[in-house]
Structure formats: C-alpha cells, structure tokens
Amino acid sequence: QPNPVYMNVGAEITWTNDDTQIHTVTSGSAGNPNSGQIFDSGILSPGATFSQTFLQPGIFPYYCTLHPQMVGTVIIS
C-alpha cells in the first residue's frame, strides 16, 4: 500500500513484508515470460525488506510469485 505508487525518476522504493507469510516482489505479472527481469526480491521472510531504485519513467506492475493475486503498480514520471 498504496497502490498504485506515484514517484519521480530516481526514487527508491522499499517494500516491507509485514505479513506472517513469505512473499516476493517481482516485476511483471503472473504467466508473463518477462516477469522478474526488471526486479525480483527473491523470498522475503516476515519483517524483511526489498528496495528498488527507478531510473527511468514508466509503469511497473509487480506481483508476488507465491501469491499471484497480490499485485501492485509503481508509476514513475
């Protein structure tokens, strides 16, 4: 949260796993062969964080590979 996130080029975004389950933060969408090419946190244990700096404008969807219904979007201008 929030979703979507609006930031400017050069912004660093940090995700925190505030859940009791493991998750990922993976660019793209479930079933897309290019998923994870822009960023992929790997497994995030409860309490773990992952940061990504966005150096180009664009719309960056992401999801959890373990729970593909968990989605979000980062919009960089």
Protein backbone atom coordinates (compact mmCIF):
# COMPACT_ATOMS: atom_id res chain seq x y z
CA GLN A 1 0.00 0.00 0.00
CA PRO A 2 -0.63 2.45 -1.51
CA ASN A 3 -1.46 1.07 -4.91
CA PRO A 4 -0.52 2.48 -7.30
CA VAL A 5 2.57 4.27 -6.05
CA TYR A 6 3.49 7.50 -7.88
CA MET A 7 7.14 8.60 -7.72
CA ASN A 8 9.69 10.56 -9.73
CA VAL A 9 12.68 9.19 -11.64
CA GLY A 10 15.48 8.39 -9.22
CA ALA A 11 13.16 7.36 -6.39
CA GLU A 12 14.00 4.37 -4.27
CA ILE A 13 11.01 2.35 -3.09
CA THR A 14 11.25 -0.07 -0.19
CA TRP A 15 8.76 -2.87 0.36
CA THR A 16 8.43 -4.43 3.82
CA ASN A 17 6.87 -7.83 4.38
CA ASP A 18 4.52 -7.04 7.27
CA ASP A 19 2.77 -10.40 6.91
CA THR A 20 3.36 -13.68 8.73
CA GLN A 21 3.87 -15.49 5.38
CA ILE A 22 6.79 -15.33 2.95
CA HIS A 23 6.31 -13.23 -0.23
CA THR A 24 8.18 -11.85 -3.24
CA VAL A 25 8.19 -8.52 -5.05
CA THR A 26 8.60 -9.46 -8.70
CA SER A 27 8.24 -7.15 -11.70
CA GLY A 28 5.67 -8.08 -14.32
CA SER A 29 2.67 -10.31 -13.92
CA ALA A 30 1.96 -13.98 -13.35
CA GLY A 31 2.44 -16.01 -16.51
CA ASN A 32 4.44 -13.31 -18.28
CA PRO A 33 7.74 -14.78 -19.55
CA ASN A 34 9.49 -11.45 -18.85
CA SER A 35 8.49 -11.38 -15.18
CA GLY A 36 11.34 -10.62 -12.82
CA GLN A 37 13.60 -9.09 -15.46
CA ILE A 38 13.39 -5.57 -14.04
CA PHE A 39 13.43 -6.52 -10.36
CA ASP A 40 12.89 -9.54 -8.15
CA SER A 41 13.28 -9.58 -4.40
CA GLY A 42 13.54 -13.33 -4.05
CA ILE A 43 11.84 -14.76 -0.98
CA LEU A 44 11.08 -12.14 1.69
CA SER A 45 10.60 -13.59 5.15
CA PRO A 46 8.28 -11.80 7.58
CA GLY A 47 9.87 -8.48 8.53
CA ALA A 48 12.30 -8.49 5.57
CA THR A 49 12.62 -5.56 3.16
CA PHE A 50 13.48 -5.09 -0.50
CA SER A 51 14.44 -1.80 -2.19
CA GLN A 52 14.43 -0.83 -5.87
CA THR A 53 15.61 2.42 -7.45
CA PHE A 54 13.73 3.51 -10.57
CA LEU A 55 15.99 5.34 -13.04
CA GLN A 56 13.56 5.57 -15.96
CA PRO A 57 9.94 6.71 -16.25
CA GLY A 58 7.30 4.09 -16.84
CA ILE A 59 4.57 1.93 -15.41
CA PHE A 60 5.94 -1.04 -13.48
CA PRO A 61 3.46 -3.72 -12.44
CA TYR A 62 4.61 -6.23 -9.84
CA TYR A 63 3.25 -9.26 -8.01
CA CYS A 64 4.10 -12.00 -5.52
CA THR A 65 5.18 -15.18 -7.29
CA LEU A 66 3.88 -17.24 -4.35
CA HIS A 67 0.51 -15.46 -4.21
CA PRO A 68 -0.13 -14.17 -7.77
CA GLN A 69 -3.35 -12.43 -6.76
CA MET A 70 -1.21 -9.98 -4.74
CA VAL A 71 -0.39 -7.24 -7.25
CA GLY A 72 0.66 -3.60 -7.35
CA THR A 73 1.89 -0.91 -9.71
CA VAL A 74 4.67 1.67 -9.48
CA ILE A 75 4.25 4.69 -11.78
CA ILE A 76 7.42 6.70 -12.35
CA SER A 77 7.37 10.11 -14.05
